[in-house]
Amino acid sequence: MTQIQVRLQSKSWKKLSEANDITWCERGTLTDGAAALKSAETPVEYVNALSQVNGFFAVVKKGRNGLFAAVDHIRSIPLYYVESKNGFLISDDAEWLREEINANEITRVARDEFQLAGYVSGHDTLYDGIRQLQAGEYIQVSQDENQRLEIEVARYFRFLPSGVENTDETTCEKNRLDNVVDECVNRLIEYAAGRQIVVPLSGGYDSRLILIKLKQLGYKNILAFTYGRPGNKDSKYSKEIAGALGVAWVYVPYTAAAWRSAGSSSEFRWYQYTASGLNSVAHVQDWLAVRELKNKSVIKKDCVFVPGHGAMAVFSHLKDVSEEFDREDIAEWLLKKKYNFAPPDVMSQELHNKIITNIDGILSYTASPISVITCWEWQERQAKYLVNSVRAYEFFEFDWWMPLWDRSFVEFWNKAPIEIRKNKDWYINYVIWVSGTEAEREIPKDNAKDVKKIRMSVYRWMLKENIFQGLVINMLRSVFRGRGQLSFEGIVGARRFSALTQRGYRLIGMLALDFIKDIDLYRDEAVKGSRRCA
């Protein structure tokens, strides 16, 4: 008999009903359409219900003869599955699936992509046979009269902005965006319900917008924090922003020694393995700060972390994208911008072919190169790496919410004209405009652009003059990026960091390299850690 097995490892899952041989499990929070989703039975009903649901969630519904499961529009809570002749397995724990099918060899294409991009694209993971639901997807498994499985994986949502050329003031004016942001932050306020909201506050605009709106909408229990090498400019600006808004602020110093101690710990390897889901490099940036804040009891046990990740990040590199691009131009752009964490010689023809195939999949829904690249960024880097950073909060048993990935905010940008999406200045001017008071308007602007301009002007000069291109460019990367504001060289050791940087690796590629090389060690630490917490 063909079997359907469900294994949900996280303690956060809720089993809400068990009647008529139907079990409904959900994790996270669903709003605006949850009842319709729970009662749905056909693919049409599921898609209609999912098109209305907001929130951050994963759901699994299992009946006598089938199963339905879905992740939210940004895959904030991943689900993995295996289909074989003997049955169908689904879980939030990729490691359990790996053990069940005895998968021991990382595929070569996945290994290379993991190093170059920091994740494995599409439905793939590091191991052949273990698949993942992508952002905005559902899966339906049913049995025919001969008890053979029929499996359908489909999208109910795509971040696929339209190709509108002209600014429509009725849909893209600042007032309309302001109403959408108010709606999103009010949803956060309702979710937090008086609990302490903890905002990782950089010198940028997204976290600043969240903080401004929380203050304007009357929320009081707020803590902002930042981190980095002592004296770094982002921390200075973060403190000024929090001070201007009257928000409590904490600074966590990052040093190479602190990262060296953390990077060699069993706890850090445990986190990296469990957070990876066997498909992406664990996001480490917040991890050290969250551990420090917890150990010093600076934050409440029931607090809600609210990072500034959001839909605007999808458009951050679109200025040099042309609507005249063909599929090869799109692939070349992706390779240059998104596959650059390891040396170019890591790229194989098989991986290049896979990228082209994935591009063709998106092109079947839109002819716009800008929309293709936007969709890729959303479903790959944002969903699998940046949004996956919330695993750091979960690792220390904290809650989270992402108002700038709220479905309403995403839908606004899905309909925004191209010139607004390509030019972040419109959004920056909105954040400045919405500040509301003279004190808030004096909040300093993000300094990252100035640093980047200096770095890129040096790069361009070296390329133009064709002087020592390979070695010197990599040495410049080591100077500008290596010993940066977050002291990341401590994770792998300063000498090794410099050596790998000169070979063409960046931090994410280095972490991927070590993870793959010592994956058995990482796995053992995760098993030991899980047992301690059982």
Protein backbone atom coordinates (compact mmCIF):
# COMPACT_ATOMS: atom_id res chain seq x y z
CA MET A 1 0.00 0.00 0.00
CA THR A 2 1.32 3.43 -0.93
CA GLN A 3 1.85 5.48 2.19
CA ILE A 4 1.70 9.20 2.93
CA GLN A 5 3.82 10.19 5.94
CA VAL A 6 3.94 13.53 7.73
CA ARG A 7 6.66 14.47 10.23
CA LEU A 8 6.47 17.96 11.75
CA GLN A 9 9.42 18.52 14.05
CA SER A 10 8.98 22.08 15.36
CA LYS A 11 7.13 22.54 18.63
CA SER A 12 5.38 25.54 17.08
CA TRP A 13 3.02 23.42 14.99
CA LYS A 14 -0.60 23.40 16.09
CA LYS A 15 -2.92 20.47 15.41
CA LEU A 16 -6.23 22.28 15.21
CA SER A 17 -8.63 19.55 14.18
CA GLU A 18 -8.84 15.82 13.88
CA ALA A 19 -12.27 14.79 12.61
CA ASN A 20 -13.56 12.65 9.75
CA ASP A 21 -10.05 11.24 9.41
CA ILE A 22 -8.77 14.72 8.52
CA THR A 23 -5.96 16.37 10.45
CA TRP A 24 -5.21 20.08 10.00
CA CYS A 25 -1.81 21.38 11.18
CA GLU A 26 -0.56 24.93 10.92
CA ARG A 27 2.50 26.85 12.00
CA GLY A 28 2.75 30.61 12.11
CA THR A 29 -0.14 33.03 11.69
CA LEU A 30 -2.79 33.15 8.98
CA THR A 31 -5.09 36.12 8.53
CA ASP A 32 -7.88 37.15 6.16
CA GLY A 33 -8.85 33.78 4.73
CA ALA A 34 -7.87 31.05 7.16
CA ALA A 35 -11.39 29.61 7.53
CA ALA A 36 -11.84 29.21 3.78
CA LEU A 37 -8.45 27.53 3.50
CA LYS A 38 -9.21 25.03 6.24
CA SER A 39 -12.51 24.04 4.64
CA ALA A 40 -11.18 23.84 1.06
CA GLU A 41 -11.20 20.46 -0.68
CA THR A 42 -10.48 21.06 -4.36
CA PRO A 43 -7.50 22.74 -6.04
CA VAL A 44 -9.70 25.66 -7.11
CA GLU A 45 -10.93 26.17 -3.55
CA TYR A 46 -7.37 25.97 -2.20
CA VAL A 47 -6.06 28.53 -4.70
CA ASN A 48 -8.98 30.89 -4.10
CA ALA A 49 -8.47 30.70 -0.34
CA LEU A 50 -4.68 31.07 -0.56
CA SER A 51 -5.06 34.14 -2.77
CA GLN A 52 -6.81 35.85 0.16
CA VAL A 53 -4.62 34.65 3.03
CA ASN A 54 -2.05 36.97 4.59
CA GLY A 55 0.48 36.28 7.31
CA PHE A 56 3.51 34.03 7.68
CA PHE A 57 2.68 30.36 7.76
CA ALA A 58 2.92 26.78 6.59
CA VAL A 59 -0.03 24.38 6.62
CA VAL A 60 -0.48 20.63 6.21
CA LYS A 61 -3.86 18.96 5.84
CA LYS A 62 -3.90 15.15 5.77
CA GLY A 63 -6.92 12.98 5.03
CA ARG A 64 -7.58 9.32 4.47
CA ASN A 65 -6.71 9.42 0.77
CA GLY A 66 -4.54 12.46 0.34
CA LEU A 67 -2.70 15.50 1.56
CA PHE A 68 -2.55 19.24 0.96
CA ALA A 69 0.29 21.49 2.12
CA ALA A 70 1.36 25.07 1.42
CA VAL A 71 3.91 27.68 2.41
CA ASP A 72 3.30 31.41 2.46
CA HIS A 73 4.18 33.93 -0.26
CA ILE A 74 7.77 34.26 0.96
CA ARG A 75 8.44 30.70 2.24
CA SER A 76 9.11 31.97 5.74
CA ILE A 77 8.42 28.49 7.17
CA PRO A 78 9.88 25.88 4.79
CA LEU A 79 8.46 22.46 3.95
CA TYR A 80 10.38 19.62 2.29
CA TYR A 81 9.15 16.44 0.63
CA VAL A 82 10.21 13.17 -0.95
CA GLU A 83 8.27 11.19 -3.51
CA SER A 84 9.17 7.59 -4.27
CA LYS A 85 7.67 4.29 -5.40
CA ASN A 86 6.94 3.41 -1.79
CA GLY A 87 5.15 6.58 -0.81
CA PHE A 88 5.25 10.29 -0.10
CA LEU A 89 6.96 11.96 2.84
CA ILE A 90 6.65 15.61 3.89
CA SER A 91 8.33 17.40 6.78
CA ASP A 92 9.67 20.68 8.09
CA ASP A 93 12.90 18.77 8.83
CA ALA A 94 15.04 18.08 5.75
CA GLU A 95 17.45 16.03 7.85
CA TRP A 96 14.69 13.53 8.76
CA LEU A 97 13.95 13.08 5.07
CA ARG A 98 17.64 12.58 4.32
CA GLU A 99 17.81 9.81 6.90
CA GLU A 100 14.61 8.19 5.64
CA ILE A 101 15.90 7.83 2.08
CA ASN A 102 19.52 7.28 3.14
CA ALA A 103 20.85 10.16 1.05
CA ASN A 104 24.56 10.57 1.75
CA GLU A 105 26.06 12.21 -1.33
CA ILE A 106 25.66 15.92 -2.11
CA THR A 107 25.03 16.38 -5.82
CA ARG A 108 27.75 18.20 -7.74
CA VAL A 109 25.48 20.84 -9.27
CA ALA A 110 23.91 21.60 -5.88
CA ARG A 111 27.36 21.82 -4.25
CA ASP A 112 28.58 24.32 -6.83
CA GLU A 113 25.41 26.43 -6.68
CA PHE A 114 25.49 26.41 -2.87
CA GLN A 115 28.96 27.97 -2.94
CA LEU A 116 28.31 30.45 -5.72
CA ALA A 117 24.86 31.70 -4.69
CA GLY A 118 24.46 30.64 -1.05
CA TYR A 119 21.41 28.50 -1.84
CA VAL A 120 20.14 25.78 -4.18
CA SER A 121 17.67 27.16 -6.72
CA GLY A 122 14.28 25.81 -7.71
CA HIS A 123 12.81 22.84 -5.86
CA ASP A 124 16.22 21.21 -5.35
CA THR A 125 18.23 20.80 -2.16
CA LEU A 126 21.78 19.58 -1.60
CA TYR A 127 20.60 15.96 -1.84
CA ASP A 128 19.01 14.26 -4.80
CA GLY A 129 15.42 13.27 -4.08
CA ILE A 130 14.76 15.83 -1.32
CA ARG A 131 12.61 18.63 -2.69
CA GLN A 132 11.30 21.89 -1.24
CA LEU A 133 8.18 23.96 -1.72
CA GLN A 134 9.08 27.35 -3.16
CA ALA A 135 7.61 30.67 -2.09
CA GLY A 136 3.90 30.90 -2.88
CA GLU A 137 3.50 27.19 -3.64
CA TYR A 138 1.20 24.39 -2.54
CA ILE A 139 1.32 20.63 -3.06
CA GLN A 140 -1.62 18.27 -3.34
CA VAL A 141 -1.20 14.50 -3.08
CA SER A 142 -4.03 12.12 -3.87
CA GLN A 143 -4.45 8.41 -4.54
CA ASP A 144 -6.23 6.99 -7.55
CA GLU A 145 -8.42 3.85 -7.47
CA ASN A 146 -5.28 1.70 -7.74
CA GLN A 147 -3.73 3.55 -4.79
CA ARG A 148 -1.12 5.18 -6.99
CA LEU A 149 -0.07 8.64 -5.93
CA GLU A 150 -0.89 11.68 -8.01
CA ILE A 151 1.20 14.70 -7.01
CA GLU A 152 0.63 18.28 -8.12
CA VAL A 153 2.89 21.19 -7.14
CA ALA A 154 1.63 24.61 -8.21
CA ARG A 155 1.97 28.31 -7.54
CA TYR A 156 -0.85 30.32 -6.02
CA PHE A 157 1.26 33.52 -5.85
CA ARG A 158 4.10 35.02 -7.87
CA PHE A 159 6.00 38.21 -7.22
CA LEU A 160 5.85 39.11 -10.89
CA PRO A 161 5.46 42.87 -11.27
CA SER A 162 3.62 44.07 -14.35
CA GLY A 163 5.43 45.97 -17.07
CA VAL A 164 3.62 49.27 -16.53
CA GLU A 165 5.75 52.10 -17.90
CA ASN A 166 3.96 55.27 -16.83
CA THR A 167 3.58 56.43 -13.26
CA ASP A 168 -0.08 56.28 -12.25
CA GLU A 169 -0.46 58.73 -9.42
CA THR A 170 -3.73 57.10 -8.36
CA THR A 171 -1.94 53.84 -7.52
CA CYS A 172 1.62 54.87 -6.73
CA GLU A 173 1.32 58.13 -4.83
CA LYS A 174 3.00 58.37 -1.44
CA ASN A 175 -0.35 58.59 0.35
CA ARG A 176 -1.42 55.23 -0.98
CA LEU A 177 1.87 53.59 0.01
CA ASP A 178 1.55 55.24 3.41
CA ASN A 179 -1.89 53.68 3.90
CA VAL A 180 -0.48 50.27 2.95
CA VAL A 181 2.44 50.61 5.37
CA ASP A 182 0.04 51.67 8.15
CA GLU A 183 -2.03 48.57 7.44
CA CYS A 184 1.04 46.32 7.59
CA VAL A 185 2.46 47.82 10.79
CA ASN A 186 -0.98 47.74 12.42
CA ARG A 187 -1.05 44.02 11.67
CA LEU A 188 2.31 43.74 13.44
CA ILE A 189 0.96 45.70 16.40
CA GLU A 190 -2.06 43.42 16.61
CA TYR A 191 0.19 40.36 16.48
CA ALA A 192 2.64 41.67 19.10
CA ALA A 193 -0.27 42.54 21.42
CA GLY A 194 1.80 44.65 23.80
CA ARG A 195 4.85 42.41 23.81
CA GLN A 196 8.31 43.91 23.41
CA ILE A 197 9.09 44.57 19.74
CA VAL A 198 12.82 44.27 19.02
CA VAL A 199 14.04 45.98 15.83
CA PRO A 200 17.52 45.32 14.34
CA LEU A 201 18.18 48.93 13.36
CA SER A 202 20.77 49.60 10.66
CA GLY A 203 21.56 52.90 9.01
CA GLY A 204 19.20 52.02 6.17
CA TYR A 205 15.63 52.98 5.38
CA ASP A 206 13.58 49.81 5.88
CA SER A 207 14.16 49.28 9.60
CA ARG A 208 13.93 53.05 10.05
CA LEU A 209 10.48 53.07 8.42
CA ILE A 210 9.27 50.31 10.74
CA LEU A 211 10.49 52.21 13.79
CA ILE A 212 8.93 55.50 12.65
CA LYS A 213 5.58 53.82 12.00
CA LEU A 214 5.56 52.00 15.34
CA LYS A 215 6.07 55.35 17.06
CA GLN A 216 3.47 57.14 14.93
CA LEU A 217 0.90 54.42 15.58
CA GLY A 218 1.43 54.63 19.31
CA TYR A 219 3.32 51.43 20.16
CA LYS A 220 5.48 51.94 23.23
CA ASN A 221 7.22 48.67 24.11
CA ILE A 222 10.08 48.92 21.59
CA LEU A 223 13.78 48.16 21.73
CA ALA A 224 16.19 48.89 18.88
CA PHE A 225 19.60 47.31 18.64
CA THR A 226 22.56 47.32 16.33
CA TYR A 227 25.92 45.59 16.17
CA GLY A 228 29.28 45.70 14.47
CA ARG A 229 32.92 46.59 14.92
CA PRO A 230 33.33 49.33 17.58
CA GLY A 231 33.16 52.77 15.98
CA ASN A 232 31.43 51.66 12.78
CA LYS A 233 29.27 54.30 11.10
CA ASP A 234 26.11 52.18 10.88
CA SER A 235 26.01 51.85 14.65
CA LYS A 236 26.54 55.59 15.04
CA TYR A 237 23.66 56.36 12.70
CA SER A 238 21.47 53.72 14.30
CA LYS A 239 21.94 55.33 17.70
CA GLU A 240 21.06 58.75 16.28
CA ILE A 241 17.90 57.39 14.63
CA ALA A 242 16.74 55.70 17.84
CA GLY A 243 17.55 58.83 19.85
CA ALA A 244 15.63 61.08 17.46
CA LEU A 245 12.59 58.81 17.80
CA GLY A 246 12.89 58.37 21.57
CA VAL A 247 13.37 54.60 21.33
CA ALA A 248 15.53 52.55 23.72
CA TRP A 249 18.69 51.41 21.96
CA VAL A 250 21.35 48.76 22.61
CA TYR A 251 24.69 48.19 20.88
CA VAL A 252 26.39 44.78 20.64
CA PRO A 253 30.08 45.01 19.69
CA TYR A 254 31.33 42.55 17.07
CA THR A 255 35.02 41.68 17.13
CA ALA A 256 37.09 39.09 15.31
CA ALA A 257 37.77 37.43 18.67
CA ALA A 258 34.04 37.17 19.45
CA TRP A 259 33.34 35.63 16.06
CA ARG A 260 36.35 33.32 16.38
CA SER A 261 34.98 32.00 19.65
CA ALA A 262 31.45 31.64 18.25
CA GLY A 263 32.56 30.22 14.92
CA SER A 264 34.41 27.34 16.53
CA SER A 265 31.59 26.47 18.93
CA SER A 266 29.32 23.44 18.68
CA GLU A 267 26.35 25.77 19.19
CA PHE A 268 27.18 27.76 16.05
CA ARG A 269 27.60 24.62 13.92
CA TRP A 270 24.32 23.30 15.32
CA TYR A 271 22.59 26.51 14.26
CA GLN A 272 24.17 26.47 10.80
CA TYR A 273 23.03 22.92 10.11
CA THR A 274 19.45 23.26 11.33
CA ALA A 275 18.97 26.70 9.75
CA SER A 276 20.31 25.53 6.39
CA GLY A 277 17.42 23.17 5.67
CA LEU A 278 20.03 21.47 3.47
CA ASN A 279 19.40 24.08 0.81
CA SER A 280 20.86 27.44 1.89
CA VAL A 281 23.76 28.88 3.84
CA ALA A 282 22.56 29.87 7.30
CA HIS A 283 22.23 33.64 7.72
CA VAL A 284 24.70 34.49 10.51
CA GLN A 285 24.67 38.28 10.70
CA ASP A 286 22.18 38.67 13.60
CA TRP A 287 23.09 35.43 15.37
CA LEU A 288 25.87 36.71 17.61
CA ALA A 289 23.88 39.78 18.68
CA VAL A 290 20.73 37.79 19.47
CA ARG A 291 22.74 35.37 21.60
CA GLU A 292 24.32 38.26 23.49
CA LEU A 293 20.98 40.02 24.06
CA LYS A 294 19.48 36.80 25.37
CA ASN A 295 22.40 35.93 27.63
CA LYS A 296 22.35 39.40 29.19
CA SER A 297 18.52 39.34 29.57
CA VAL A 298 18.22 42.57 27.60
CA ILE A 299 15.19 41.26 25.73
CA LYS A 300 12.00 39.67 27.02
CA LYS A 301 11.37 35.96 26.58
CA ASP A 302 8.14 36.65 24.68
CA CYS A 303 9.52 39.48 22.52
CA VAL A 304 8.95 39.74 18.78
CA PHE A 305 11.93 40.41 16.51
CA VAL A 306 11.04 42.64 13.56
CA PRO A 307 13.80 42.79 10.92
CA GLY A 308 13.63 45.26 8.04
CA HIS A 309 13.65 42.59 5.32
CA GLY A 310 11.09 43.43 2.69
CA ALA A 311 9.93 43.61 -0.89
CA MET A 312 11.99 46.70 -1.73
CA ALA A 313 15.19 44.63 -1.54
CA VAL A 314 14.05 42.75 -4.64
CA PHE A 315 14.59 45.89 -6.74
CA SER A 316 18.00 46.87 -5.36
CA HIS A 317 20.01 45.93 -8.48
CA LEU A 318 17.64 46.71 -11.33
CA LYS A 319 19.14 49.98 -12.57
CA ASP A 320 21.36 48.21 -15.11
CA VAL A 321 18.66 45.79 -16.32
CA SER A 322 17.21 46.45 -19.76
CA GLU A 323 13.89 45.33 -21.19
CA GLU A 324 15.93 44.48 -24.29
CA PHE A 325 17.66 41.58 -22.50
CA ASP A 326 17.22 38.11 -23.98
CA ARG A 327 17.47 34.90 -21.95
CA GLU A 328 21.27 34.76 -22.29
CA ASP A 329 21.55 38.39 -21.13
CA ILE A 330 19.39 37.53 -18.12
CA ALA A 331 21.57 34.52 -17.34
CA GLU A 332 24.76 36.59 -17.68
CA TRP A 333 23.31 39.25 -15.37
CA LEU A 334 22.35 36.64 -12.76
CA LEU A 335 25.76 35.00 -12.91
CA LYS A 336 27.48 38.36 -12.42
CA LYS A 337 25.21 39.66 -9.66
CA LYS A 338 23.90 36.58 -7.85
CA TYR A 339 26.49 33.85 -8.40
CA ASN A 340 29.60 35.63 -7.14
CA PHE A 341 30.36 34.21 -3.68
CA ALA A 342 32.92 31.74 -5.01
CA PRO A 343 35.50 31.83 -7.85
CA PRO A 344 34.06 31.73 -11.40
CA ASP A 345 35.70 28.36 -12.07
CA VAL A 346 33.26 26.75 -9.61
CA MET A 347 30.55 27.30 -12.25
CA SER A 348 29.90 24.21 -14.34
CA GLN A 349 28.08 23.78 -17.63
CA GLU A 350 25.45 21.66 -15.86
CA LEU A 351 24.74 24.48 -13.40
CA HIS A 352 24.60 27.02 -16.23
CA ASN A 353 22.07 24.83 -18.02
CA LYS A 354 19.98 24.58 -14.86
CA ILE A 355 19.92 28.38 -14.53
CA ILE A 356 18.77 28.72 -18.14
CA THR A 357 16.02 26.15 -17.54
CA ASN A 358 14.81 28.05 -14.46
CA ILE A 359 14.83 31.32 -16.42
CA ASP A 360 12.73 29.68 -19.13
CA GLY A 361 10.24 28.63 -16.47
CA ILE A 362 9.71 32.26 -15.43
CA LEU A 363 9.68 33.45 -19.04
CA SER A 364 6.67 31.23 -19.62
CA TYR A 365 4.72 33.70 -17.43
CA THR A 366 6.24 37.02 -18.53
CA ALA A 367 8.30 38.39 -21.39
CA SER A 368 9.72 41.24 -19.28
CA PRO A 369 13.40 40.73 -18.29
CA ILE A 370 12.89 43.08 -15.33
CA SER A 371 9.99 40.94 -14.10
CA VAL A 372 12.00 37.74 -14.64
CA ILE A 373 14.91 39.01 -12.55
CA THR A 374 12.54 40.36 -9.90
CA CYS A 375 10.78 37.01 -9.69
CA TRP A 376 14.11 35.18 -9.45
CA GLU A 377 15.36 37.43 -6.66
CA TRP A 378 12.10 36.96 -4.74
CA GLN A 379 11.87 33.18 -4.96
CA GLU A 380 15.58 32.48 -4.59
CA ARG A 381 17.83 34.87 -2.66
CA GLN A 382 15.12 36.64 -0.65
CA ALA A 383 13.06 33.58 0.27
CA LYS A 384 15.88 31.09 0.77
CA TYR A 385 18.58 33.27 2.30
CA LEU A 386 17.42 36.63 3.66
CA VAL A 387 13.95 35.65 4.89
CA ASN A 388 15.49 32.47 6.24
CA SER A 389 17.45 34.70 8.65
CA VAL A 390 14.48 34.40 11.04
CA ARG A 391 15.88 30.94 11.89
CA ALA A 392 18.39 32.82 14.10
CA TYR A 393 15.54 34.16 16.24
CA GLU A 394 13.86 30.76 16.37
CA PHE A 395 17.13 29.09 17.36
CA PHE A 396 17.09 31.14 20.58
CA GLU A 397 13.31 30.54 20.96
CA PHE A 398 12.14 34.02 20.00
CA ASP A 399 9.20 35.06 17.86
CA TRP A 400 9.37 37.25 14.73
CA TRP A 401 7.31 39.21 12.20
CA MET A 402 8.22 40.93 8.90
CA PRO A 403 5.83 43.83 8.12
CA LEU A 404 7.66 44.76 4.91
CA TRP A 405 6.98 41.26 3.57
CA ASP A 406 3.31 41.60 4.48
CA ARG A 407 1.21 40.53 1.52
CA SER A 408 -0.30 44.03 1.17
CA PHE A 409 3.13 45.64 0.92
CA VAL A 410 4.20 43.05 -1.65
CA GLU A 411 1.05 43.60 -3.72
CA PHE A 412 1.69 47.34 -3.80
CA TRP A 413 5.11 46.78 -5.39
CA ASN A 414 3.72 44.08 -7.65
CA LYS A 415 1.65 46.83 -9.33
CA ALA A 416 4.14 49.70 -9.12
CA PRO A 417 5.48 51.20 -12.37
CA ILE A 418 8.90 50.10 -13.61
CA GLU A 419 10.54 53.50 -13.12
CA ILE A 420 9.62 53.47 -9.43
CA ARG A 421 10.79 49.90 -8.93
CA LYS A 422 14.11 50.59 -10.64
CA ASN A 423 14.76 53.83 -8.77
CA LYS A 424 14.91 53.41 -5.02
CA ASP A 425 15.06 57.20 -4.57
CA TRP A 426 11.25 57.34 -4.78
CA TYR A 427 10.98 54.98 -1.82
CA ILE A 428 13.74 56.78 0.09
CA ASN A 429 11.93 60.09 -0.43
CA TYR A 430 8.77 58.44 0.88
CA VAL A 431 10.54 57.35 4.09
CA ILE A 432 11.91 60.89 4.57
CA TRP A 433 8.47 62.37 3.82
CA VAL A 434 6.69 60.07 6.24
CA SER A 435 9.00 60.99 9.12
CA GLY A 436 6.53 63.65 10.09
CA THR A 437 8.50 65.95 12.39
CA GLU A 438 11.53 68.13 11.87
CA ALA A 439 13.51 66.05 14.38
CA GLU A 440 12.79 62.90 12.43
CA ARG A 441 13.62 64.53 9.11
CA GLU A 442 17.07 65.26 10.49
CA ILE A 443 17.76 61.54 10.88
CA PRO A 444 20.96 60.82 8.92
CA LYS A 445 20.79 59.08 5.59
CA ASP A 446 22.29 55.68 4.91
CA ASN A 447 26.05 55.89 4.56
CA ALA A 448 26.40 52.61 2.68
CA LYS A 449 26.06 54.30 -0.72
CA ASP A 450 29.13 56.49 -0.10
CA VAL A 451 31.29 53.49 0.82
CA LYS A 452 30.03 51.54 -2.17
CA LYS A 453 30.68 54.46 -4.54
CA ILE A 454 34.30 54.68 -3.40
CA ARG A 455 34.78 50.92 -3.69
CA MET A 456 33.18 50.70 -7.14
CA SER A 457 35.09 53.68 -8.50
CA VAL A 458 38.34 51.93 -7.58
CA TYR A 459 37.14 48.66 -9.15
CA ARG A 460 36.09 50.41 -12.37
CA TRP A 461 39.41 52.26 -12.63
CA MET A 462 41.37 49.02 -12.23
CA LEU A 463 39.24 47.27 -14.84
CA LYS A 464 39.51 50.20 -17.27
CA GLU A 465 43.29 50.35 -16.95
CA ASN A 466 43.52 46.54 -17.14
CA ILE A 467 46.11 46.56 -14.37
CA PHE A 468 46.65 43.35 -12.35
CA GLN A 469 42.97 42.64 -12.70
CA GLY A 470 42.54 39.27 -10.98
CA LEU A 471 44.94 39.53 -8.05
CA VAL A 472 44.56 43.23 -7.31
CA ILE A 473 40.76 43.23 -7.52
CA ASN A 474 40.59 40.36 -5.05
CA MET A 475 43.08 42.13 -2.75
CA LEU A 476 40.92 45.27 -2.92
CA ARG A 477 37.92 43.17 -1.97
CA SER A 478 39.87 41.96 1.04
CA VAL A 479 40.63 45.53 2.08
CA PHE A 480 37.16 46.99 1.49
CA ARG A 481 34.91 44.07 2.27
CA GLY A 482 36.92 41.60 4.34
CA ARG A 483 37.83 43.56 7.45
CA GLY A 484 34.49 45.30 7.42
CA GLN A 485 32.03 46.63 9.93
CA LEU A 486 30.96 43.18 11.17
CA SER A 487 34.39 41.55 11.76
CA PHE A 488 33.36 38.43 9.86
CA GLU A 489 36.99 37.49 9.24
CA GLY A 490 36.94 36.06 12.76
CA ILE A 491 34.57 33.25 11.74
CA VAL A 492 37.09 31.52 9.49
CA GLY A 493 40.27 33.13 10.82
CA ALA A 494 41.91 36.30 9.50
CA ARG A 495 44.67 34.58 7.50
CA ARG A 496 42.35 32.06 5.90
CA PHE A 497 39.80 34.80 5.23
CA SER A 498 42.41 36.81 3.33
CA ALA A 499 43.63 33.75 1.42
CA LEU A 500 40.14 32.72 0.38
CA THR A 501 39.24 36.30 -0.53
CA GLN A 502 42.23 36.48 -2.86
CA ARG A 503 41.05 33.24 -4.47
CA GLY A 504 37.69 34.90 -5.20
CA TYR A 505 35.58 33.77 -2.26
CA ARG A 506 33.29 36.02 -0.25
CA LEU A 507 31.93 35.26 3.21
CA ILE A 508 28.86 33.30 2.11
CA GLY A 509 30.99 31.21 -0.24
CA MET A 510 33.47 30.55 2.58
CA LEU A 511 30.69 29.41 4.92
CA ALA A 512 29.30 27.20 2.16
CA LEU A 513 32.74 25.73 1.48
CA ASP A 514 33.26 24.82 5.15
CA PHE A 515 29.72 23.51 5.54
CA ILE A 516 30.07 21.10 2.63
CA LYS A 517 33.58 20.01 3.60
CA ASP A 518 32.65 19.24 7.23
CA ILE A 519 28.93 18.51 6.88
CA ASP A 520 29.16 15.36 9.02
CA LEU A 521 30.60 17.41 11.88
CA TYR A 522 27.84 20.02 11.54
CA ARG A 523 25.24 17.26 11.48
CA ASP A 524 26.65 15.60 14.60
CA GLU A 525 26.55 18.91 16.50
CA ALA A 526 22.92 19.43 15.43
CA VAL A 527 21.96 15.96 16.63
CA LYS A 528 23.68 16.52 19.99
CA GLY A 529 22.06 19.94 20.36
CA SER A 530 18.59 18.60 19.57
CA ARG A 531 19.02 15.83 22.14
CA ARG A 532 20.00 18.33 24.82
CA CYS A 533 16.80 20.27 24.15
CA ALA A 534 14.52 17.23 23.95
